[in-house]
Amino acid sequence: MSTAKELLDKFADIHPLPHVVTTVTNLINDSESTMKDFEDIIKMDPVLVSRLLTLVNSPFYGLTQTVDSISRAVAFLGMKNLHNLVVTDALKNIFVDPGTNLIFSKKKVWIHSAAVSICSKMVAERIFGINGDDAFLCGILHDFGLLVEEQLMREDFNKICSSISSTTALIEAEQAAFSTNHCEIGHIMTLDWNMPLTIQEAIRDHHTNFEDIEPASLTGIVQIAEYIASQMEYNILPNVTTDISPPLMIHLEDNADEYNVLVEDLPEELEKAQSIYG
């Protein structure tokens, strides 16, 4: 755990997140915060204002009238959607920062994370009938630790990427080389941001195989979404199979018809997301 913390601190020195992320996260965790508090923060960042208005007027919501005020957009989206927007926007440049690495592509990490986030939200809402905001956030954040490793230990990280054949092998190779892994690094990040326990656990355990996992749990949803994204070739690394907990595979087989419809719709949902985030 201490190794993961040290790496994350070093990464933060290189890529500090905007102050607005910490501020909005603190507001989320403050039971006395109001929509006006969120509005006051957002309106100071013109890029976020643009993203906010684009999101609320996007096909995601299908509103018949254009929302053109910050206060109305904030009120319509709600605190969690707003938080997800801020975090996603802050991380985007880190994910897609151009580079010359031929083995590990930050752009592919972004595409994979976007696919898992959208799919997680769809699984939560369509399959289990629960709010998908936390599932979306987990999808965006779940592989963030890979970027930390690539940035700080590039040579060893590239060797790992060129030699593994499964996500289980990836975790084992990371642990052997770095005394930590990207799941643990992501988990530390969620602790630093004081995120809910279910989000912390889902990011920590998204590659852990459980014999008794509940498909409707946040961890189960993220594992399902990552498996679907990988099957649809929204992968970070080529020819790397995604392992999934046995009860989740049984759940997928038992609900194949519903998931087939979801898979058919996923590319369109990703296209909608791309209209917002690029």
Foldseek 3Di string as FASTA:
>chain_A
DVLLVVLLVVVCVVQPFDPLLLVLLVLVVDPPHDLVSVLVSQVVDVVSLVLLQCVQPFPVPPDPDRDDDSSVSSVVCDSLSSSLSRVLQRCVCLQQVDDDDPQFHSVLVQLLLQQLLLQLQCCLCVVVNHGSSLLNSLSNQLQVLLSSCCVPPVVLSSVLSVPAQEPVSSQVSCCVPRVGHSLVSSLVVCVVSVHDPQSSCLSNCLQPADADDDCNRSNNSSVLSSQLSVVVVSDRGPNYHYDYHVVSVVVCVVPVVSVVVSSVCSVVSSVSVVSSND
